[in-house]
Protein backbone atom coordinates (compact mmCIF):
# COMPACT_ATOMS: atom_id res chain seq x y z
CA MET A 1 -16.26 -1.92 9.52
CA SER A 2 -17.80 0.18 6.79
CA ARG A 3 -15.89 3.14 7.63
CA PHE A 4 -12.56 1.42 7.62
CA THR A 5 -13.45 -0.15 4.08
CA THR A 6 -14.32 3.46 3.06
CA ALA A 7 -11.10 5.12 4.37
CA LEU A 8 -9.25 2.06 2.81
CA THR A 9 -10.72 2.58 -0.52
CA ALA A 10 -9.95 6.30 -0.42
CA ALA A 11 -6.39 5.71 0.42
CA VAL A 12 -5.80 2.96 -2.19
CA ALA A 13 -7.15 5.51 -4.76
CA ALA A 14 -5.13 8.29 -3.58
CA PHE A 15 -1.84 5.89 -3.72
CA ALA A 16 -2.75 4.59 -7.21
CA VAL A 17 -2.39 8.25 -8.40
CA THR A 18 0.86 8.81 -6.58
CA THR A 19 2.13 5.37 -7.88
CA ALA A 20 1.56 6.23 -11.35
CA ALA A 21 3.09 9.62 -10.93
CA SER A 22 6.04 8.16 -9.62
CA ALA A 23 6.32 4.97 -11.69
CA GLY A 24 10.03 4.10 -12.65
CA ALA A 25 11.45 5.90 -9.46
CA THR A 26 14.05 3.68 -7.59
CA LYS A 27 13.44 5.55 -4.32
CA PRO A 28 11.79 3.39 -1.51
CA LYS A 29 7.91 3.98 -1.59
CA ILE A 30 6.43 5.75 1.38
CA VAL A 31 2.62 5.66 1.59
CA THR A 32 0.83 7.87 3.97
CA MET A 33 -2.39 6.37 5.41
CA PRO A 34 -4.91 7.79 8.02
CA ALA A 35 -4.12 6.62 11.62
CA SER A 36 -7.45 4.69 11.88
CA VAL A 37 -6.26 2.29 9.24
CA LEU A 38 -2.98 1.46 11.00
CA LYS A 39 -4.58 0.86 14.48
CA SER A 40 -4.07 -2.76 14.51
CA PRO A 41 -0.68 -4.37 13.59
CA ASP A 42 -2.73 -7.12 12.03
CA ALA A 43 -4.86 -4.96 9.68
CA ARG A 44 -4.39 -5.68 6.03
CA ILE A 45 -3.76 -2.93 3.66
CA CYS A 46 -4.57 -3.51 0.14
CA MET A 47 -2.58 -1.78 -2.54
CA PRO A 48 -1.70 -2.53 -6.27
CA ARG A 49 1.15 -4.85 -6.70
CA THR A 50 3.30 -2.07 -8.48
CA THR A 51 3.41 -0.39 -5.10
CA SER A 52 6.60 -2.39 -4.15
CA PRO A 53 9.63 -2.22 -6.29
CA MET A 54 10.46 -5.82 -5.18
CA VAL A 55 7.28 -7.55 -6.41
CA ALA A 56 6.06 -5.22 -8.99
CA LYS A 57 7.18 -7.29 -12.10
CA ASP A 58 6.05 -10.74 -10.45
CA LYS A 59 3.13 -11.65 -12.68
CA THR A 60 2.59 -14.74 -10.81
CA LEU A 61 0.98 -12.38 -7.90
CA PRO A 62 -2.52 -10.86 -7.99
CA GLU A 63 -2.85 -7.20 -9.39
CA THR A 64 -3.70 -6.17 -5.77
CA LEU A 65 -1.94 -7.21 -2.74
CA CYS A 66 -3.52 -7.20 0.71
CA GLN A 67 -0.78 -7.39 3.63
CA THR A 68 0.20 -6.01 6.97
CA VAL A 69 2.26 -3.09 7.49
CA GLU A 70 5.25 -5.42 8.35
CA GLN A 71 4.70 -7.50 5.27
CA TRP A 72 4.68 -4.43 3.00
CA SER A 73 7.95 -3.12 4.73
CA ALA A 74 9.70 -6.49 3.79
CA HIS A 75 8.66 -5.67 0.05
CA GLY A 76 10.32 -2.04 0.31
CA VAL A 77 7.15 -0.02 1.37
CA THR A 78 7.03 2.25 4.27
CA ILE A 79 3.50 3.09 5.48
CA VAL A 80 3.21 6.08 7.69
CA SER A 81 0.29 7.77 9.46
CA LYS A 82 -1.18 11.05 8.81
């Protein structure tokens, strides 16, 4: 579990930098994650709320959302593996 947490934390940090660089873009978000993170369809991936152009401005949600790949897809975020 520790290896998973480390990989997830690294992916979130890398994505935060990417998100900051592309803030304001209207293109669908594409996030690349290690394949080990995406092994289980029930795995929850934690990313900043601003990752999703659909829920970025919803201040009622927490700053960090932990959702499955399917839930992120519903919010306009495509997650692909390396």
